């Protein structure tokens, strides 16, 4: 039942979806101001991507010698 209260309040803010016969307003009658406004969203950029990596070259150093450095070349594709 709580959803019914929400929907009725939302309809009150947005205006009725049911339209009856149209009545013409006179130019002297002020128009009611609604407190409900919509603002445009800012532009979005894709900050995440599915990346794949391919090891193209590597060196295998002796792990028992702590001064040995291993290198690897990885090619990343989007």
N, C-alpha and C. Protein backbone atom coordinates (compact mmCIF):
# COMPACT_ATOMS: atom_id res chain seq x y z
N UNK A 1 0.83 -1.19 0.00
CA UNK A 1 0.00 0.00 0.00
C UNK A 1 0.87 1.25 0.00
N UNK A 2 2.08 1.12 0.50
CA UNK A 2 2.99 2.26 0.55
C UNK A 2 3.31 2.77 -0.85
N UNK A 3 3.36 1.87 -1.83
CA UNK A 3 3.64 2.27 -3.20
C UNK A 3 2.54 3.17 -3.74
N UNK A 4 1.31 2.94 -3.34
CA UNK A 4 0.20 3.77 -3.80
C UNK A 4 0.34 5.20 -3.35
N UNK A 5 0.83 5.42 -2.13
CA UNK A 5 1.04 6.77 -1.61
C UNK A 5 2.14 7.46 -2.41
N UNK A 6 3.22 6.72 -2.71
CA UNK A 6 4.32 7.28 -3.49
C UNK A 6 3.84 7.69 -4.88
N UNK A 7 3.07 6.82 -5.53
CA UNK A 7 2.61 7.11 -6.89
C UNK A 7 1.67 8.31 -6.88
N UNK A 8 0.81 8.41 -5.90
CA UNK A 8 -0.11 9.54 -5.86
C UNK A 8 0.64 10.84 -5.62
N UNK A 9 1.68 10.82 -4.78
CA UNK A 9 2.47 12.04 -4.56
C UNK A 9 3.26 12.40 -5.81
N UNK A 10 3.78 11.39 -6.51
CA UNK A 10 4.52 11.64 -7.74
C UNK A 10 3.60 12.23 -8.81
N UNK A 11 2.39 11.72 -8.92
CA UNK A 11 1.43 12.28 -9.87
C UNK A 11 1.09 13.72 -9.51
N UNK A 12 1.01 14.00 -8.22
CA UNK A 12 0.74 15.37 -7.81
C UNK A 12 1.86 16.32 -8.19
N UNK A 13 3.11 15.84 -8.11
CA UNK A 13 4.24 16.69 -8.49
C UNK A 13 4.35 16.86 -10.00
N UNK A 14 4.14 15.77 -10.73
CA UNK A 14 4.32 15.81 -12.18
C UNK A 14 3.08 16.31 -12.92
N UNK A 15 1.98 16.32 -12.27
CA UNK A 15 0.74 16.69 -12.93
C UNK A 15 -0.02 15.44 -13.30
N UNK A 16 -1.26 15.59 -13.50
CA UNK A 16 -2.12 14.44 -13.80
C UNK A 16 -1.82 13.89 -15.18
N UNK A 17 -1.86 12.57 -15.31
CA UNK A 17 -1.67 11.94 -16.61
C UNK A 17 -3.00 11.85 -17.36
N UNK A 18 -4.09 11.99 -16.64
CA UNK A 18 -5.42 11.96 -17.28
C UNK A 18 -5.75 13.37 -17.76
N UNK A 19 -6.17 13.44 -19.00
CA UNK A 19 -6.50 14.76 -19.54
C UNK A 19 -7.98 14.81 -19.87
N UNK A 20 -8.61 15.79 -19.37
CA UNK A 20 -10.01 16.00 -19.67
C UNK A 20 -10.13 17.01 -20.81
N UNK A 21 -11.29 17.57 -20.97
CA UNK A 21 -11.45 18.58 -22.00
C UNK A 21 -10.58 19.79 -21.69
N UNK A 22 -9.96 20.32 -22.71
CA UNK A 22 -9.06 21.46 -22.50
C UNK A 22 -9.86 22.73 -22.30
N UNK A 23 -9.40 23.47 -21.34
CA UNK A 23 -10.01 24.77 -21.11
C UNK A 23 -8.96 25.82 -21.41
N UNK A 24 -9.37 26.88 -22.05
CA UNK A 24 -8.42 27.93 -22.41
C UNK A 24 -8.26 28.88 -21.24
N UNK A 25 -7.04 29.24 -20.95
CA UNK A 25 -6.76 30.19 -19.89
C UNK A 25 -6.87 31.61 -20.44
N UNK A 26 -7.27 32.47 -19.59
CA UNK A 26 -7.24 33.87 -19.99
C UNK A 26 -5.84 34.38 -19.76
N UNK A 27 -5.44 35.40 -20.44
CA UNK A 27 -4.08 35.91 -20.31
C UNK A 27 -3.85 36.58 -18.97
N UNK A 28 -4.90 36.95 -18.28
CA UNK A 28 -4.76 37.63 -16.99
C UNK A 28 -4.53 36.65 -15.84
N UNK A 29 -4.92 35.39 -16.02
CA UNK A 29 -4.80 34.41 -14.93
C UNK A 29 -3.35 33.96 -14.80
N UNK A 30 -2.76 34.05 -13.59
CA UNK A 30 -1.37 33.59 -13.42
C UNK A 30 -1.29 32.07 -13.49
N UNK A 31 -0.21 31.60 -13.99
CA UNK A 31 0.01 30.16 -14.13
C UNK A 31 0.66 29.65 -12.84
N UNK A 32 0.23 28.50 -12.35
CA UNK A 32 0.79 27.93 -11.12
C UNK A 32 2.22 27.47 -11.38
N UNK A 33 3.11 27.74 -10.43
CA UNK A 33 4.50 27.35 -10.56
C UNK A 33 4.71 26.05 -9.80
N UNK A 34 5.30 25.07 -10.49
CA UNK A 34 5.55 23.77 -9.88
C UNK A 34 6.92 23.77 -9.21
N UNK A 35 7.06 23.19 -8.00
CA UNK A 35 8.39 23.12 -7.37
C UNK A 35 9.27 22.03 -7.99
N UNK A 36 8.70 21.24 -8.89
CA UNK A 36 9.42 20.13 -9.51
C UNK A 36 10.15 20.62 -10.75
N UNK A 37 11.48 20.41 -10.81
CA UNK A 37 12.25 20.79 -11.99
C UNK A 37 13.20 19.65 -12.36
N UNK A 38 13.56 19.60 -13.62
CA UNK A 38 14.52 18.62 -14.10
C UNK A 38 15.75 19.37 -14.58
N UNK A 39 16.93 18.85 -14.23
CA UNK A 39 18.17 19.45 -14.68
C UNK A 39 18.88 18.47 -15.60
N UNK A 40 19.53 18.99 -16.64
CA UNK A 40 20.25 18.08 -17.55
C UNK A 40 21.45 17.45 -16.86
N UNK A 41 21.78 16.23 -17.25
CA UNK A 41 22.94 15.54 -16.71
C UNK A 41 24.19 16.00 -17.44
N UNK A 42 25.31 15.98 -16.75
CA UNK A 42 26.57 16.34 -17.41
C UNK A 42 27.02 15.19 -18.30
N UNK A 43 27.90 15.50 -19.24
CA UNK A 43 28.41 14.49 -20.16
C UNK A 43 29.18 13.42 -19.42
N UNK A 44 29.07 12.20 -19.86
CA UNK A 44 29.76 11.08 -19.22
C UNK A 44 30.81 10.52 -20.16
N UNK A 45 31.95 10.14 -19.61
CA UNK A 45 33.01 9.51 -20.37
C UNK A 45 33.18 8.09 -19.88
N UNK A 46 33.50 7.21 -20.79
CA UNK A 46 33.75 5.83 -20.41
C UNK A 46 35.14 5.75 -19.78
N UNK A 47 35.20 5.45 -18.51
CA UNK A 47 36.47 5.41 -17.79
C UNK A 47 36.96 3.98 -17.57
N UNK A 48 36.19 3.02 -17.98
CA UNK A 48 36.59 1.63 -17.83
C UNK A 48 36.49 0.95 -19.19
N UNK A 49 37.37 0.01 -19.43
CA UNK A 49 37.35 -0.70 -20.71
C UNK A 49 37.82 -2.13 -20.47
N UNK A 50 37.49 -2.98 -21.40
CA UNK A 50 37.96 -4.36 -21.35
C UNK A 50 39.30 -4.42 -22.08
N UNK A 51 40.37 -4.52 -21.33
CA UNK A 51 41.71 -4.55 -21.91
C UNK A 51 42.22 -5.98 -21.96
N UNK A 52 43.00 -6.27 -22.99
CA UNK A 52 43.65 -7.57 -23.09
C UNK A 52 45.15 -7.34 -23.20
N UNK A 53 45.91 -8.22 -22.62
CA UNK A 53 47.36 -8.10 -22.66
C UNK A 53 47.99 -9.32 -23.28
N UNK A 54 49.07 -9.09 -24.01
CA UNK A 54 49.79 -10.17 -24.67
C UNK A 54 51.27 -10.01 -24.34
N UNK A 55 51.85 -11.01 -23.69
CA UNK A 55 53.28 -10.97 -23.37
C UNK A 55 54.04 -11.30 -24.65
N UNK A 56 54.83 -10.32 -25.12
CA UNK A 56 55.54 -10.52 -26.38
C UNK A 56 56.99 -10.94 -26.15
N UNK A 57 57.57 -10.59 -25.01
CA UNK A 57 58.96 -11.00 -24.73
C UNK A 57 59.18 -11.01 -23.23
N UNK A 58 60.05 -11.92 -22.76
CA UNK A 58 60.37 -11.96 -21.33
C UNK A 58 61.73 -12.62 -21.17
N UNK A 59 62.32 -12.37 -20.02
CA UNK A 59 63.58 -13.03 -19.68
C UNK A 59 63.37 -13.85 -18.42
N UNK A 60 64.00 -15.00 -18.36
CA UNK A 60 63.91 -15.85 -17.18
C UNK A 60 65.26 -15.77 -16.47
N UNK A 61 65.30 -15.07 -15.37
CA UNK A 61 66.52 -14.95 -14.59
C UNK A 61 66.54 -16.01 -13.50
N UNK A 62 67.68 -16.26 -12.99
CA UNK A 62 67.84 -17.24 -11.91
C UNK A 62 67.26 -16.64 -10.63
N UNK A 63 66.17 -17.19 -10.07
CA UNK A 63 65.55 -16.61 -8.88
C UNK A 63 66.39 -16.74 -7.61
N UNK A 64 67.44 -17.56 -7.65
CA UNK A 64 68.25 -17.72 -6.44
C UNK A 64 69.24 -16.56 -6.26
N UNK A 65 69.45 -15.77 -7.30
CA UNK A 65 70.34 -14.61 -7.22
C UNK A 65 69.47 -13.36 -7.06
N UNK A 66 69.55 -12.68 -5.89
CA UNK A 66 68.64 -11.57 -5.64
C UNK A 66 68.90 -10.34 -6.51
N UNK A 67 70.05 -10.21 -7.15
CA UNK A 67 70.32 -9.03 -7.97
C UNK A 67 69.86 -9.20 -9.41
N UNK A 68 69.45 -10.40 -9.78
CA UNK A 68 68.96 -10.61 -11.15
C UNK A 68 67.60 -9.91 -11.34
N UNK A 69 67.47 -9.28 -12.47
CA UNK A 69 66.23 -8.56 -12.79
C UNK A 69 65.55 -9.25 -13.97
N UNK A 70 64.28 -9.50 -13.82
CA UNK A 70 63.50 -10.09 -14.92
C UNK A 70 62.77 -8.97 -15.64
N UNK A 71 62.61 -9.09 -16.93
CA UNK A 71 61.86 -8.11 -17.70
C UNK A 71 60.80 -8.80 -18.52
N UNK A 72 59.77 -8.07 -18.83
CA UNK A 72 58.70 -8.60 -19.68
C UNK A 72 58.14 -7.44 -20.50
N UNK A 73 57.81 -7.71 -21.73
CA UNK A 73 57.17 -6.74 -22.61
C UNK A 73 55.74 -7.20 -22.83
N UNK A 74 54.80 -6.32 -22.49
CA UNK A 74 53.38 -6.66 -22.60
C UNK A 74 52.73 -5.68 -23.56
N UNK A 75 52.01 -6.20 -24.55
CA UNK A 75 51.29 -5.38 -25.50
C UNK A 75 49.82 -5.34 -25.05
N UNK A 76 49.30 -4.14 -24.78
CA UNK A 76 47.93 -3.99 -24.27
C UNK A 76 47.05 -3.50 -25.41
N UNK A 77 45.91 -4.17 -25.60
CA UNK A 77 44.94 -3.78 -26.64
C UNK A 77 43.59 -3.50 -25.99
N UNK A 78 42.90 -2.59 -26.59
CA UNK A 78 41.57 -2.22 -26.11
C UNK A 78 40.53 -2.84 -27.02
